[in-house]
Amino acid sequence: MTSPDRPVSPWNIANVVTVARIFLVPVFAVFVALSGMEHSGWRMAACALFVFISATDFVDGWLARSRNLVTDFGKIADPIADKALIGTALVLLSYYGDLSWWVTGIILVRELGITAWRMAVLRRTVIAADRGGKLKTVLQITAVAWYLWPWPGPLDAVGPWLMGAAVVLTVLTGMDYLWKAFKSKESEPNRTS
């Protein structure tokens, strides 16, 4: 375990898991392409890989917190890994006609906008995901996994409800981030004097 007063190297097991997640995203995309979104073994494999990559999100977070390995790199790379995976899945679901493009558009605009804002304020502070953002990610993962798995008949109808809830929470958490950003900027001391 790392001493709390010693700086933590960004080259640690938690960040290695995060980077591995990013490198697995193209593999997931290949699995989806091979399935052609037909009810096939490749589609099940794509869903299983999506769930596996998503689960490693909790692993790297647990490793970072339990071993005092939290780094600024991890705070930035972790949400990027989430967005790369979910964004790729949404684009492919829309491309193959399983999901409306407007749903993908709303989620991607919010995700890319918040990521751009995080990068813009990076020199001043590193903004980690809050509870609302984490819940939003879990709901997005659940909805996407539901869409990917070839459910029989009526169970397939659950997907749009899950995705609808994910879209609502995505928009609400995005508005919350912007509100907090506005309030924090407003509370900064005036430096024009």
Protein backbone atom coordinates (compact mmCIF):
# COMPACT_ATOMS: atom_id res chain seq x y z
CA MET A 1 0.00 0.00 0.00
CA THR A 2 1.29 3.48 -0.89
CA SER A 3 1.99 5.95 1.91
CA PRO A 4 -0.53 8.83 1.84
CA ASP A 5 2.23 11.47 2.06
CA ARG A 6 4.24 10.07 -0.87
CA PRO A 7 3.22 11.06 -4.42
CA VAL A 8 1.52 8.25 -6.31
CA SER A 9 3.03 7.23 -9.61
CA PRO A 10 0.61 7.26 -12.55
CA TRP A 11 2.21 3.92 -13.54
CA ASN A 12 0.20 1.77 -11.14
CA ILE A 13 -2.10 -1.26 -11.43
CA ALA A 14 -5.31 0.79 -11.31
CA ASN A 15 -4.22 2.96 -14.25
CA VAL A 16 -2.95 -0.08 -16.17
CA VAL A 17 -6.46 -1.57 -15.91
CA THR A 18 -7.94 1.73 -17.13
CA VAL A 19 -5.60 1.85 -20.15
CA ALA A 20 -6.36 -1.82 -20.92
CA ARG A 21 -10.07 -0.91 -21.01
CA ILE A 22 -9.34 1.74 -23.63
CA PHE A 23 -7.37 -0.74 -25.76
CA LEU A 24 -10.22 -3.29 -25.57
CA VAL A 25 -12.75 -0.87 -27.10
CA PRO A 26 -11.64 -1.56 -30.73
CA VAL A 27 -11.83 -5.31 -30.02
CA PHE A 28 -15.42 -4.81 -28.87
CA ALA A 29 -16.15 -2.85 -32.07
CA VAL A 30 -14.77 -5.71 -34.19
CA PHE A 31 -17.02 -8.20 -32.35
CA VAL A 32 -20.07 -6.03 -33.09
CA ALA A 33 -19.05 -5.64 -36.74
CA LEU A 34 -18.60 -9.40 -37.08
CA SER A 35 -22.06 -9.97 -35.62
CA GLY A 36 -23.65 -7.46 -37.98
CA MET A 37 -26.08 -7.10 -35.04
CA GLU A 38 -27.68 -10.38 -36.05
CA HIS A 39 -28.72 -12.84 -33.34
CA SER A 40 -25.44 -14.69 -33.46
CA GLY A 41 -22.64 -15.94 -31.29
CA TRP A 42 -20.62 -12.83 -32.19
CA ARG A 43 -23.38 -10.60 -30.84
CA MET A 44 -23.38 -12.52 -27.55
CA ALA A 45 -19.58 -12.30 -27.48
CA ALA A 46 -19.80 -8.53 -28.11
CA CYS A 47 -22.25 -8.17 -25.22
CA ALA A 48 -20.10 -10.30 -22.92
CA LEU A 49 -16.98 -8.27 -23.79
CA PHE A 50 -18.89 -5.01 -23.27
CA VAL A 51 -19.99 -6.18 -19.80
CA PHE A 52 -16.44 -7.36 -18.99
CA ILE A 53 -14.86 -4.04 -20.02
CA SER A 54 -17.54 -2.17 -18.07
CA ALA A 55 -16.94 -4.31 -14.97
CA THR A 56 -13.23 -3.48 -15.03
CA ASP A 57 -14.32 0.14 -14.46
CA PHE A 58 -15.29 -0.87 -10.92
CA VAL A 59 -12.07 -2.89 -10.55
CA ASP A 60 -9.75 0.00 -11.36
CA GLY A 61 -11.73 2.32 -9.07
CA TRP A 62 -11.57 -0.18 -6.22
CA LEU A 63 -7.85 -0.74 -6.74
CA ALA A 64 -7.17 2.99 -6.79
CA ARG A 65 -9.12 3.70 -3.60
CA SER A 66 -8.17 0.60 -1.59
CA ARG A 67 -4.44 0.94 -2.31
CA ASN A 68 -4.21 4.75 -2.26
CA LEU A 69 -3.41 4.79 -5.97
CA VAL A 70 -5.71 7.66 -6.96
CA THR A 71 -3.95 9.90 -9.50
CA ASP A 72 -4.92 12.85 -11.66
CA PHE A 73 -4.23 10.64 -14.69
CA GLY A 74 -6.73 8.07 -13.41
CA LYS A 75 -9.36 10.73 -12.72
CA ILE A 76 -9.08 11.86 -16.35
CA ALA A 77 -8.49 8.50 -18.10
CA ASP A 78 -11.25 6.61 -16.28
CA PRO A 79 -14.17 8.70 -17.61
CA ILE A 80 -12.51 8.77 -21.05
CA ALA A 81 -12.45 4.96 -21.07
CA ASP A 82 -16.15 4.90 -20.13
CA LYS A 83 -17.05 7.38 -22.84
CA ALA A 84 -14.98 5.57 -25.49
CA LEU A 85 -16.73 2.27 -24.76
CA ILE A 86 -20.27 3.61 -24.41
CA GLY A 87 -19.87 6.03 -27.32
CA THR A 88 -18.60 3.26 -29.61
CA ALA A 89 -21.47 0.98 -28.57
CA LEU A 90 -24.09 3.68 -29.16
CA VAL A 91 -22.73 4.61 -32.59
CA LEU A 92 -22.68 0.95 -33.64
CA LEU A 93 -26.19 0.33 -32.30
CA SER A 94 -27.43 3.32 -34.32
CA TYR A 95 -25.43 2.32 -37.40
CA TYR A 96 -27.06 -1.12 -37.40
CA GLY A 97 -30.52 0.38 -36.87
CA ASP A 98 -31.15 -0.86 -33.32
CA LEU A 99 -31.11 2.60 -31.73
CA SER A 100 -32.30 6.00 -32.97
CA TRP A 101 -29.51 8.38 -33.92
CA TRP A 102 -31.06 11.17 -31.83
CA VAL A 103 -30.50 9.10 -28.66
CA THR A 104 -26.86 8.56 -29.58
CA GLY A 105 -26.55 12.26 -30.47
CA ILE A 106 -27.91 13.51 -27.15
CA ILE A 107 -25.69 11.21 -25.10
CA LEU A 108 -22.55 11.92 -27.17
CA VAL A 109 -23.06 15.70 -27.11
CA ARG A 110 -23.38 15.62 -23.32
CA GLU A 111 -20.42 13.28 -22.84
CA LEU A 112 -18.11 15.13 -25.23
CA GLY A 113 -19.19 18.50 -23.84
CA ILE A 114 -18.48 17.56 -20.22
CA THR A 115 -15.16 15.96 -21.23
CA ALA A 116 -14.16 19.15 -23.11
CA TRP A 117 -15.09 21.23 -20.06
CA ARG A 118 -13.03 18.95 -17.79
CA MET A 119 -10.05 19.39 -20.10
CA ALA A 120 -10.56 23.17 -20.20
CA VAL A 121 -10.35 23.50 -16.42
CA LEU A 122 -7.55 20.92 -16.09
CA ARG A 123 -4.91 23.56 -15.32
CA ARG A 124 -6.92 24.73 -12.30
CA THR A 125 -8.46 21.49 -11.04
CA VAL A 126 -9.17 17.86 -11.87
CA ILE A 127 -12.88 17.06 -11.73
CA ALA A 128 -13.67 13.47 -10.87
CA ALA A 129 -17.05 11.89 -11.60
CA ASP A 130 -19.61 12.41 -8.85
CA ARG A 131 -22.33 10.00 -7.70
CA GLY A 132 -24.83 11.22 -10.29
CA GLY A 133 -22.28 10.73 -13.06
CA LYS A 134 -21.47 7.24 -11.82
CA LEU A 135 -25.17 6.30 -11.62
CA LYS A 136 -25.63 7.66 -15.14
CA THR A 137 -22.76 5.49 -16.36
CA VAL A 138 -24.22 2.37 -14.71
CA LEU A 139 -27.62 3.05 -16.32
CA GLN A 140 -26.02 3.64 -19.74
CA ILE A 141 -24.04 0.39 -19.41
CA THR A 142 -27.17 -1.54 -18.42
CA ALA A 143 -29.18 -0.09 -21.32
CA VAL A 144 -26.45 -0.74 -23.90
CA ALA A 145 -25.88 -4.30 -22.65
CA TRP A 146 -29.63 -4.93 -22.87
CA TYR A 147 -29.62 -3.72 -26.49
CA LEU A 148 -26.61 -5.85 -27.36
CA TRP A 149 -27.92 -9.13 -25.96
CA PRO A 150 -30.29 -10.98 -28.35
CA TRP A 151 -33.29 -11.12 -26.00
CA PRO A 152 -36.30 -13.18 -27.07
CA GLY A 153 -39.63 -11.47 -27.79
CA PRO A 154 -41.08 -9.37 -24.96
CA LEU A 155 -37.81 -8.99 -23.02
CA ASP A 156 -36.42 -7.03 -25.98
CA ALA A 157 -39.01 -4.30 -25.21
CA VAL A 158 -37.29 -3.47 -21.89
CA GLY A 159 -34.34 -1.90 -23.77
CA PRO A 160 -36.07 1.33 -24.86
CA TRP A 161 -37.27 1.97 -21.29
CA LEU A 162 -33.77 1.50 -19.91
CA MET A 163 -32.31 3.71 -22.62
CA GLY A 164 -34.95 6.37 -22.04
CA ALA A 165 -34.05 6.48 -18.34
CA ALA A 166 -30.35 6.65 -19.29
CA VAL A 167 -30.99 9.60 -21.63
CA VAL A 168 -32.94 11.50 -18.94
CA LEU A 169 -30.23 10.92 -16.33
CA THR A 170 -27.51 11.81 -18.86
CA VAL A 171 -29.16 15.18 -19.56
CA LEU A 172 -29.87 15.91 -15.87
CA THR A 173 -26.33 15.12 -14.73
CA GLY A 174 -24.94 17.19 -17.60
CA MET A 175 -27.05 20.16 -16.49
CA ASP A 176 -25.90 19.58 -12.89
CA TYR A 177 -22.22 19.66 -13.95
CA LEU A 178 -22.80 22.91 -15.85
CA TRP A 179 -24.66 24.45 -12.89
CA LYS A 180 -21.81 23.53 -10.52
CA ALA A 181 -19.29 24.97 -12.99
CA PHE A 182 -21.27 28.21 -13.20
CA LYS A 183 -21.55 28.47 -9.41
CA SER A 184 -17.84 27.75 -8.85
CA LYS A 185 -16.85 30.37 -11.44
CA GLU A 186 -19.23 32.85 -9.84
CA SER A 187 -17.68 32.25 -6.39
CA GLU A 188 -14.10 32.83 -7.64
CA PRO A 189 -12.60 36.12 -6.39
CA ASN A 190 -12.57 38.97 -8.91
CA ARG A 191 -9.00 39.37 -10.14
CA THR A 192 -9.47 42.53 -12.22
CA SER A 193 -8.16 44.83 -9.45
